[in-house]
C-alpha cells in the first residue's frame, strides 16, 4: 500500500487486526482462485492490493521447505521411505493449499487423497487424544460410553520432545566458531536424561558459560537460546573435560547439571521452565486477553 501513498501504522491494533483477518481470508481464497484483491479502509480511504497465487507461494516457500525438512527428518528417524507408505492422507487446513499437494506428490510419486475433511481430521484427532487422557484418569468409570473406552483403550500416546535441546559449544580448531551441540534429540520420550562431554578452550579457564538451546540445527542462527548460566571452575589446562547433563520432565522443566570430569565434582546446577518460554508479563497479558474475550 506504500505505492498507493498509504503508510501503515503497526501500532494501530484495529488496523493490524484487520490486516491479519484479510490475510487469512486471502490465503483461503488463493486455494481456489489464481488472484485475490483484498480491500483495506484506512483513514476513510480504501486501498486494494492485487495478490496472485504465485506471489503467495513464493512468500510461503520457506515454510514449505521447513515442513519438507521436518517430514524427511521424521522419515529418516523411523527408517522408512516413500515406498513404505501406501496412502498420503491430507490432514490439517494447510494441506488444502495447492502448493502442499503438489510438493507432496512430487516428492512421493503418489497421489494425495482427501478421504476425510482435513480440518475435521484435526478435530477428531484432538478428541481421541483427549479421550486417552480422560480414560487414563478414570479407567474405572463404568459410566463412560463404550465407544469412548474402546477408542482410548487401543491407543498409547507418549510425550516426546518436539524440538532438540542442546548447548552452545566452541570449536577451537576453527577459530572458536560457535555451534549448537544437541544433547536431547527431538522425539525423545519424556522424561529423558542425557549428557554431553565438552572441553575447555583456553588454558586456566576459570568459568564456563552454559547456554541451553532449542532447535535441531547445528547453526546457531537457526536455533533459540532459552536460558543460560555462568559457573565457576578450577583453572585447568586447555581441553579439560566437562560433562553437561540435561534432565527433562513432563512439566517441561529442564534440569542442568555440570560436572568437572577431572575431579568428578559438580560445578553447579540450574533449571529452565520451558512452558512456551513466555515471560511472567506475557503470561499475565495473555491471561487477561483470554479472560476478557467474549464467546458467542
Protein backbone atom coordinates (compact mmCIF):
# COMPACT_ATOMS: atom_id res chain seq x y z
CA UNK A 1 0.00 0.00 0.00
CA UNK A 2 3.03 2.28 0.23
CA UNK A 3 2.96 2.51 -3.58
CA UNK A 4 -0.55 3.96 -3.24
CA UNK A 5 0.62 6.63 -0.78
CA UNK A 6 -0.55 4.86 2.36
CA UNK A 7 1.68 4.39 5.41
CA UNK A 8 0.74 1.52 7.74
CA UNK A 9 0.83 2.29 11.47
CA UNK A 10 1.80 -1.02 13.09
CA UNK A 11 0.83 0.46 16.48
CA UNK A 12 -2.79 0.65 15.32
CA UNK A 13 -4.23 -2.53 16.86
CA UNK A 14 -7.53 -2.33 14.96
CA UNK A 15 -5.76 -1.90 11.63
CA UNK A 16 -3.28 -4.72 12.28
CA UNK A 17 -6.15 -6.99 13.32
CA UNK A 18 -7.98 -6.16 10.08
CA UNK A 19 -4.83 -6.89 8.04
CA UNK A 20 -4.38 -10.27 9.74
CA UNK A 21 -8.04 -11.15 9.12
CA UNK A 22 -7.83 -10.14 5.45
CA UNK A 23 -4.54 -12.04 5.05
CA UNK A 24 -6.17 -15.22 6.37
CA UNK A 25 -9.15 -14.82 4.04
CA UNK A 26 -6.83 -14.13 1.10
CA UNK A 27 -4.84 -17.29 1.84
CA UNK A 28 -8.05 -19.32 1.78
CA UNK A 29 -9.26 -17.64 -1.42
CA UNK A 30 -5.98 -18.39 -3.23
CA UNK A 31 -6.61 -22.08 -2.70
CA UNK A 32 -9.40 -21.93 -5.28
CA UNK A 33 -8.52 -18.91 -7.43
CA UNK A 34 -5.36 -17.55 -9.06
CA UNK A 35 -5.74 -13.94 -7.86
CA UNK A 36 -7.25 -12.05 -4.92
CA UNK A 37 -7.82 -8.31 -4.32
CA UNK A 38 -8.34 -7.67 -0.59
CA UNK A 39 -9.51 -4.15 0.32
CA UNK A 40 -8.45 -2.08 3.34
CA UNK A 41 -10.06 1.09 4.65
CA UNK A 42 -7.54 3.43 6.27
CA UNK A 43 -8.38 6.98 7.38
CA UNK A 44 -11.54 6.90 5.28
CA UNK A 45 -9.76 5.83 2.08
CA UNK A 46 -10.00 2.37 0.51
CA UNK A 47 -6.93 0.60 -0.82
CA UNK A 48 -6.82 -2.65 -2.79
CA UNK A 49 -3.85 -4.99 -3.23
CA UNK A 50 -3.52 -7.45 -6.09
CA UNK A 51 -2.06 -10.75 -4.87
CA UNK A 52 -1.51 -13.74 -7.12
CA UNK A 53 -1.19 -17.36 -6.05
CA UNK A 54 2.35 -17.38 -7.41
CA UNK A 55 3.29 -14.40 -5.21
CA UNK A 56 1.74 -16.04 -2.17
CA UNK A 57 3.50 -19.34 -2.81
CA UNK A 58 6.84 -17.54 -3.23
CA UNK A 59 6.38 -15.95 0.21
CA UNK A 60 5.30 -19.27 1.72
CA UNK A 61 8.18 -21.27 0.20
CA UNK A 62 10.46 -21.01 3.29
CA UNK A 63 7.68 -22.54 5.39
CA UNK A 64 7.17 -25.22 2.77
CA UNK A 65 10.88 -26.08 2.82
CA UNK A 66 10.91 -26.20 6.63
CA UNK A 67 7.92 -28.54 6.63
CA UNK A 68 9.57 -30.71 3.97
CA UNK A 69 12.77 -30.89 6.03
CA UNK A 70 10.88 -31.91 9.18
CA UNK A 71 8.89 -34.54 7.28
CA UNK A 72 12.03 -36.04 5.75
CA UNK A 73 13.76 -35.95 9.14
CA UNK A 74 10.91 -37.96 10.68
CA UNK A 75 11.12 -40.49 7.86
CA UNK A 76 14.88 -40.86 8.36
CA UNK A 77 14.44 -41.35 12.10
CA UNK A 78 11.82 -44.02 11.50
CA UNK A 79 13.94 -45.59 8.75
CA UNK A 80 11.15 -45.50 6.17
CA UNK A 81 11.00 -44.36 2.55
CA UNK A 82 8.16 -43.30 0.26
CA UNK A 83 7.95 -46.90 -0.97
CA UNK A 84 6.90 -47.91 2.56
CA UNK A 85 3.93 -45.53 2.52
CA UNK A 86 0.68 -46.77 0.99
CA UNK A 87 -1.57 -43.70 1.30
CA UNK A 88 -0.94 -39.96 1.57
CA UNK A 89 -3.89 -38.75 3.63
CA UNK A 90 -4.15 -34.96 3.83
CA UNK A 91 -4.73 -33.74 7.39
CA UNK A 92 -4.81 -30.11 8.56
CA UNK A 93 -6.15 -26.99 6.87
CA UNK A 94 -2.83 -26.07 5.22
CA UNK A 95 -2.91 -29.27 3.16
CA UNK A 96 -5.68 -27.66 1.13
CA UNK A 97 -3.08 -25.30 -0.36
CA UNK A 98 -2.26 -26.40 -3.94
CA UNK A 99 1.48 -25.98 -3.30
CA UNK A 100 1.37 -28.51 -0.46
CA UNK A 101 -0.44 -31.12 -2.56
CA UNK A 102 1.91 -30.52 -5.48
CA UNK A 103 5.05 -30.78 -3.34
CA UNK A 104 3.91 -33.98 -1.64
CA UNK A 105 3.11 -35.63 -4.97
CA UNK A 106 6.45 -34.52 -6.44
CA UNK A 107 8.40 -35.93 -3.51
CA UNK A 108 6.50 -39.19 -3.14
CA UNK A 109 5.39 -40.03 -6.66
CA UNK A 110 1.97 -40.80 -5.16
CA UNK A 111 -1.42 -39.09 -5.24
CA UNK A 112 -2.64 -37.19 -2.19
CA UNK A 113 -6.08 -38.26 -1.01
CA UNK A 114 -8.72 -36.23 0.83
CA UNK A 115 -10.88 -39.09 2.09
CA UNK A 116 -11.73 -37.05 5.19
CA UNK A 117 -12.00 -33.30 5.59
CA UNK A 118 -8.52 -32.04 6.65
CA UNK A 119 -9.98 -29.72 9.31
CA UNK A 120 -12.33 -32.37 10.68
CA UNK A 121 -9.47 -34.86 10.93
CA UNK A 122 -7.56 -32.48 13.23
CA UNK A 123 -10.60 -32.06 15.48
CA UNK A 124 -11.17 -35.81 15.61
CA UNK A 125 -7.52 -36.41 16.46
CA UNK A 126 -7.71 -33.89 19.29
CA UNK A 127 -10.86 -35.57 20.60
CA UNK A 128 -9.20 -39.00 20.52
CA UNK A 129 -6.15 -37.64 22.34
CA UNK A 130 -8.39 -36.02 24.96
CA UNK A 131 -10.21 -39.32 25.41
CA UNK A 132 -6.93 -41.11 26.19
CA UNK A 133 -6.13 -38.56 28.89
CA UNK A 134 -9.60 -38.82 30.40
CA UNK A 135 -9.66 -42.59 30.21
CA UNK A 136 -6.26 -42.95 31.86
CA UNK A 137 -7.52 -40.90 34.81
CA UNK A 138 -10.88 -42.66 35.09
CA UNK A 139 -10.31 -46.20 33.91
CA UNK A 140 -12.74 -47.50 36.50
CA UNK A 141 -15.62 -45.22 35.48
CA UNK A 142 -18.28 -47.62 34.22
CA UNK A 143 -20.49 -44.71 33.08
CA UNK A 144 -18.20 -43.89 30.16
CA UNK A 145 -19.70 -44.81 26.75
CA UNK A 146 -18.35 -47.99 25.22
CA UNK A 147 -17.03 -46.30 22.03
CA UNK A 148 -15.16 -43.82 24.21
CA UNK A 149 -13.47 -46.56 26.19
CA UNK A 150 -12.74 -48.70 23.14
CA UNK A 151 -11.03 -45.88 21.26
CA UNK A 152 -8.96 -44.73 24.22
CA UNK A 153 -8.08 -48.26 25.25
CA UNK A 154 -6.48 -49.09 21.91
CA UNK A 155 -4.21 -46.04 21.74
CA UNK A 156 -0.99 -45.44 23.65
CA UNK A 157 0.41 -41.92 23.48
CA UNK A 158 3.86 -41.00 24.77
CA UNK A 159 5.08 -37.45 25.35
CA UNK A 160 8.21 -36.64 23.35
CA UNK A 161 10.39 -33.59 22.89
CA UNK A 162 9.12 -31.57 19.93
CA UNK A 163 12.48 -29.91 19.38
CA UNK A 164 16.03 -30.86 20.27
CA UNK A 165 17.65 -29.43 23.39
CA UNK A 166 21.30 -28.56 23.07
CA UNK A 167 24.17 -26.39 24.27
CA UNK A 168 26.33 -23.77 22.59
CA UNK A 169 29.85 -25.15 22.05
CA UNK A 170 33.06 -23.67 20.68
CA UNK A 171 35.27 -25.36 18.09
CA UNK A 172 38.81 -24.22 18.91
CA UNK A 173 40.18 -25.79 15.72
CA UNK A 174 38.14 -23.41 13.54
CA UNK A 175 38.76 -20.01 15.09
CA UNK A 176 36.50 -20.60 18.10
CA UNK A 177 33.44 -20.93 15.86
CA UNK A 178 30.27 -21.49 17.90
CA UNK A 179 27.84 -24.32 17.19
CA UNK A 180 24.71 -25.90 18.58
CA UNK A 181 25.53 -29.32 20.01
CA UNK A 182 22.40 -31.41 20.59
CA UNK A 183 22.11 -33.22 23.92
CA UNK A 184 18.48 -34.42 23.91
CA UNK A 185 17.33 -35.03 20.30
CA UNK A 186 13.80 -34.20 19.22
CA UNK A 187 11.23 -37.01 19.51
CA UNK A 188 12.98 -38.36 22.62
CA UNK A 189 10.48 -39.92 25.02
CA UNK A 190 9.82 -37.85 28.15
CA UNK A 191 11.09 -37.96 30.89
CA UNK A 192 14.60 -38.00 29.47
CA UNK A 193 18.13 -37.70 30.81
CA UNK A 194 21.20 -37.38 28.57
CA UNK A 195 24.67 -35.86 28.75
CA UNK A 196 27.45 -34.50 26.56
CA UNK A 197 31.19 -34.13 27.20
CA UNK A 198 32.66 -30.75 26.20
CA UNK A 199 36.15 -29.36 26.65
CA UNK A 200 37.68 -26.11 27.86
CA UNK A 201 39.01 -23.89 25.07
CA UNK A 202 41.81 -21.96 26.81
CA UNK A 203 44.43 -22.62 29.50
CA UNK A 204 43.49 -21.65 33.05
CA UNK A 205 39.83 -21.15 32.16
CA UNK A 206 38.04 -20.24 35.40
CA UNK A 207 34.40 -20.24 34.30
CA UNK A 208 32.08 -21.91 31.82
CA UNK A 209 29.03 -20.36 30.16
CA UNK A 210 26.28 -22.92 29.62
CA UNK A 211 23.75 -21.68 27.03
CA UNK A 212 20.78 -24.02 26.58
CA UNK A 213 19.34 -24.12 23.08
CA UNK A 214 16.10 -25.26 21.48
CA UNK A 215 16.25 -26.41 17.87
CA UNK A 216 17.53 -29.11 15.57
CA UNK A 217 20.11 -27.23 13.51
CA UNK A 218 23.88 -27.14 14.26
CA UNK A 219 23.98 -23.47 13.18
CA UNK A 220 23.14 -21.05 16.00
CA UNK A 221 21.23 -18.67 13.74
CA UNK A 222 18.55 -21.32 13.28
CA UNK A 223 18.05 -22.20 16.95
CA UNK A 224 16.95 -20.31 20.06
CA UNK A 225 18.85 -19.84 23.32
CA UNK A 226 16.23 -20.39 26.05
CA UNK A 227 18.41 -19.98 29.14
CA UNK A 228 21.97 -19.77 30.40
CA UNK A 229 24.17 -19.78 33.49
CA UNK A 230 27.83 -18.98 34.13
CA UNK A 231 29.54 -21.43 36.52
CA UNK A 232 32.98 -21.14 38.14
CA UNK A 233 35.59 -23.86 37.70
CA UNK A 234 39.22 -24.57 38.67
CA UNK A 235 41.95 -23.20 36.31
CA UNK A 236 42.68 -26.34 34.28
CA UNK A 237 44.73 -26.69 31.08
CA UNK A 238 43.03 -26.35 27.71
CA UNK A 239 40.90 -29.34 26.59
CA UNK A 240 39.95 -30.37 30.14
CA UNK A 241 36.68 -32.39 30.08
CA UNK A 242 33.37 -31.06 31.37
CA UNK A 243 30.15 -33.11 31.40
CA UNK A 244 26.84 -31.33 30.83
CA UNK A 245 23.78 -33.31 31.93
CA UNK A 246 20.21 -32.49 30.89
CA UNK A 247 17.14 -33.98 32.57
CA UNK A 248 13.79 -33.11 31.01
CA UNK A 249 10.49 -33.72 32.82
CA UNK A 250 6.90 -33.93 31.64
CA UNK A 251 6.24 -30.49 33.18
CA UNK A 252 8.62 -29.05 30.54
CA UNK A 253 11.31 -28.15 33.05
CA UNK A 254 14.94 -28.71 32.03
CA UNK A 255 17.37 -29.50 34.85
CA UNK A 256 21.02 -28.85 34.02
CA UNK A 257 23.97 -30.21 35.98
CA UNK A 258 27.61 -29.53 35.09
CA UNK A 259 30.32 -31.97 36.23
CA UNK A 260 34.06 -31.35 36.40
CA UNK A 261 35.31 -34.63 34.92
CA UNK A 262 38.84 -34.07 36.22
CA UNK A 263 37.66 -34.46 39.82
CA UNK A 264 34.10 -35.75 39.18
CA UNK A 265 32.79 -32.88 41.28
CA UNK A 266 29.71 -30.81 40.47
CA UNK A 267 30.33 -27.28 39.23
CA UNK A 268 26.70 -26.35 39.78
CA UNK A 269 23.11 -26.83 38.68
CA UNK A 270 20.29 -24.69 37.34
CA UNK A 271 16.91 -25.19 35.69
CA UNK A 272 14.78 -23.72 32.92
CA UNK A 273 10.98 -23.82 32.78
CA UNK A 274 10.08 -24.00 29.09
CA UNK A 275 6.27 -23.54 29.33
CA UNK A 276 6.23 -21.99 25.84
CA UNK A 277 9.10 -19.75 27.01
CA UNK A 278 6.74 -16.89 27.88
CA UNK A 279 7.77 -14.33 30.48
CA UNK A 280 5.56 -13.73 33.54
CA UNK A 281 4.38 -10.47 31.98
CA UNK A 282 3.50 -12.21 28.71
CA UNK A 283 1.58 -14.94 30.55
CA UNK A 284 -0.32 -12.35 32.60
CA UNK A 285 -1.15 -10.32 29.50
CA UNK A 286 -2.33 -13.40 27.59
CA UNK A 287 -4.45 -14.50 30.56
CA UNK A 288 -6.09 -11.05 30.68
CA UNK A 289 -6.91 -11.19 26.97
CA UNK A 290 -8.46 -14.64 27.28
CA UNK A 291 -10.43 -13.67 30.40
CA UNK A 292 -11.94 -10.64 28.67
CA UNK A 293 -12.79 -12.46 25.44
CA UNK A 294 -16.50 -12.82 24.64
CA UNK A 295 -17.69 -16.13 23.19
CA UNK A 296 -20.95 -16.16 21.21
